[in-house]
Amino acid sequence: MNCYSVFDKYGKKIADCGSVLDAIALVEIDSTRTYRQVKYVNPQTVDVPHIRMADDLQLPAQQILPQSELEPFIV
């Protein structure tokens, strides 16, 4: 899979693009930018078996607070 990374004049990556046309468009915005082709290797998918735990070892069900007991979120 080929992708393109766009870098600023200091070599800091500013974007990843899936298309060379997108990378070129970002470079045209600022003439000090460059782009390079990057080849990503897709990782191998691994199947992991699962084991069912006994009911008493599982986490208890989550209890949701009623609306009146919720604390306000302050930013």
C-alpha atoms as a PDB file:
ATOM      1  CA  MET A   1       0.000   0.000   0.000  1.00  0.00           C
ATOM      2  CA  ASN A   2       1.463   3.352  -1.022  1.00  0.00           C
ATOM      3  CA  CYS A   3       0.841   6.493   0.992  1.00  0.00           C
ATOM      4  CA  TYR A   4       2.404   9.933   0.950  1.00  0.00           C
ATOM      5  CA  SER A   5       3.668  11.982   3.892  1.00  0.00           C
ATOM      6  CA  VAL A   6       3.930  15.776   3.700  1.00  0.00           C
ATOM      7  CA  PHE A   7       6.671  17.536   5.680  1.00  0.00           C
ATOM      8  CA  ASP A   8       7.303  21.183   6.546  1.00  0.00           C
ATOM      9  CA  LYS A   9      10.647  22.931   6.011  1.00  0.00           C
ATOM     10  CA  TYR A  10      11.932  21.633   9.377  1.00  0.00           C
ATOM     11  CA  GLY A  11      11.222  18.002   8.473  1.00  0.00           C
ATOM     12  CA  LYS A  12       8.192  17.709  10.763  1.00  0.00           C
ATOM     13  CA  LYS A  13       5.408  15.570   9.320  1.00  0.00           C
ATOM     14  CA  ILE A  14       2.243  17.608   8.889  1.00  0.00           C
ATOM     15  CA  ALA A  15       0.003  15.181   6.998  1.00  0.00           C
ATOM     16  CA  ASP A  16      -0.425  11.680   5.606  1.00  0.00           C
ATOM     17  CA  CYS A  17      -2.214  11.356   2.271  1.00  0.00           C
ATOM     18  CA  GLY A  18      -3.607   8.361   0.433  1.00  0.00           C
ATOM     19  CA  SER A  19      -3.225  10.046  -2.936  1.00  0.00           C
ATOM     20  CA  VAL A  20      -0.270  11.731  -4.595  1.00  0.00           C
ATOM     21  CA  LEU A  21      -2.630  14.455  -5.813  1.00  0.00           C
ATOM     22  CA  ASP A  22      -3.581  15.299  -2.236  1.00  0.00           C
ATOM     23  CA  ALA A  23       0.092  15.461  -1.229  1.00  0.00           C
ATOM     24  CA  ILE A  24       0.901  17.732  -4.165  1.00  0.00           C
ATOM     25  CA  ALA A  25      -2.034  20.002  -3.275  1.00  0.00           C
ATOM     26  CA  LEU A  26      -0.680  20.410   0.265  1.00  0.00           C
ATOM     27  CA  VAL A  27       2.829  21.143  -1.073  1.00  0.00           C
ATOM     28  CA  GLU A  28       1.453  23.810  -3.412  1.00  0.00           C
ATOM     29  CA  ILE A  29       0.039  25.721  -0.425  1.00  0.00           C
ATOM     30  CA  ASP A  30       3.576  26.391   0.863  1.00  0.00           C
ATOM     31  CA  SER A  31       6.623  26.064  -1.393  1.00  0.00           C
ATOM     32  CA  THR A  32       8.867  25.021   1.539  1.00  0.00           C
ATOM     33  CA  ARG A  33       6.895  21.785   2.027  1.00  0.00           C
ATOM     34  CA  THR A  34       7.971  18.446   0.594  1.00  0.00           C
ATOM     35  CA  TYR A  35       6.321  15.062   0.241  1.00  0.00           C
ATOM     36  CA  ARG A  36       7.652  11.512   0.214  1.00  0.00           C
ATOM     37  CA  GLN A  37       6.156   8.188  -0.761  1.00  0.00           C
ATOM     38  CA  VAL A  38       5.819   5.802   2.174  1.00  0.00           C
ATOM     39  CA  LYS A  39       5.147   2.090   1.782  1.00  0.00           C
ATOM     40  CA  TYR A  40       3.150   0.607   4.625  1.00  0.00           C
ATOM     41  CA  VAL A  41       3.180  -3.135   5.140  1.00  0.00           C
ATOM     42  CA  ASN A  42      -0.162  -4.476   6.316  1.00  0.00           C
ATOM     43  CA  PRO A  43       0.322  -6.404   9.562  1.00  0.00           C
ATOM     44  CA  GLN A  44      -0.619 -10.061   9.653  1.00  0.00           C
ATOM     45  CA  THR A  45      -4.005 -10.738  11.238  1.00  0.00           C
ATOM     46  CA  VAL A  46      -3.814 -13.101  14.202  1.00  0.00           C
ATOM     47  CA  ASP A  47      -6.734 -15.071  15.625  1.00  0.00           C
ATOM     48  CA  VAL A  48      -6.659 -15.190  19.429  1.00  0.00           C
ATOM     49  CA  PRO A  49      -8.740 -17.846  21.197  1.00  0.00           C
ATOM     50  CA  HIS A  50     -10.954 -16.805  24.102  1.00  0.00           C
ATOM     51  CA  ILE A  51     -11.916 -18.590  27.301  1.00  0.00           C
ATOM     52  CA  ARG A  52     -15.281 -18.094  29.009  1.00  0.00           C
ATOM     53  CA  MET A  53     -14.819 -17.229  32.663  1.00  0.00           C
ATOM     54  CA  ALA A  54     -17.068 -18.408  35.436  1.00  0.00           C
ATOM     55  CA  ASP A  55     -19.871 -15.969  36.284  1.00  0.00           C
ATOM     56  CA  ASP A  56     -18.489 -15.120  39.744  1.00  0.00           C
ATOM     57  CA  LEU A  57     -15.118 -14.048  38.235  1.00  0.00           C
ATOM     58  CA  GLN A  58     -16.657 -11.599  35.794  1.00  0.00           C
ATOM     59  CA  LEU A  59     -17.064  -7.914  36.577  1.00  0.00           C
ATOM     60  CA  PRO A  60     -20.480  -6.930  37.932  1.00  0.00           C
ATOM     61  CA  ALA A  61     -22.905  -5.052  35.705  1.00  0.00           C
ATOM     62  CA  GLN A  62     -22.377  -1.298  35.650  1.00  0.00           C
ATOM     63  CA  GLN A  63     -25.038   0.715  37.459  1.00  0.00           C
ATOM     64  CA  ILE A  64     -26.016   3.988  35.821  1.00  0.00           C
ATOM     65  CA  LEU A  65     -26.812   6.875  38.147  1.00  0.00           C
ATOM     66  CA  PRO A  66     -30.234   8.475  37.913  1.00  0.00           C
ATOM     67  CA  GLN A  67     -30.303  11.877  36.225  1.00  0.00           C
ATOM     68  CA  SER A  68     -30.704  13.741  39.534  1.00  0.00           C
ATOM     69  CA  GLU A  69     -27.451  12.374  41.008  1.00  0.00           C
ATOM     70  CA  LEU A  70     -25.175  13.252  38.082  1.00  0.00           C
ATOM     71  CA  GLU A  71     -22.591  15.966  38.709  1.00  0.00           C
ATOM     72  CA  PRO A  72     -22.392  18.807  36.176  1.00  0.00           C
ATOM     73  CA  PHE A  73     -19.391  18.842  33.845  1.00  0.00           C
ATOM     74  CA  ILE A  74     -17.506  22.127  34.255  1.00  0.00           C
ATOM     75  CA  VAL A  75     -15.053  23.174  31.549  1.00  0.00           C
END
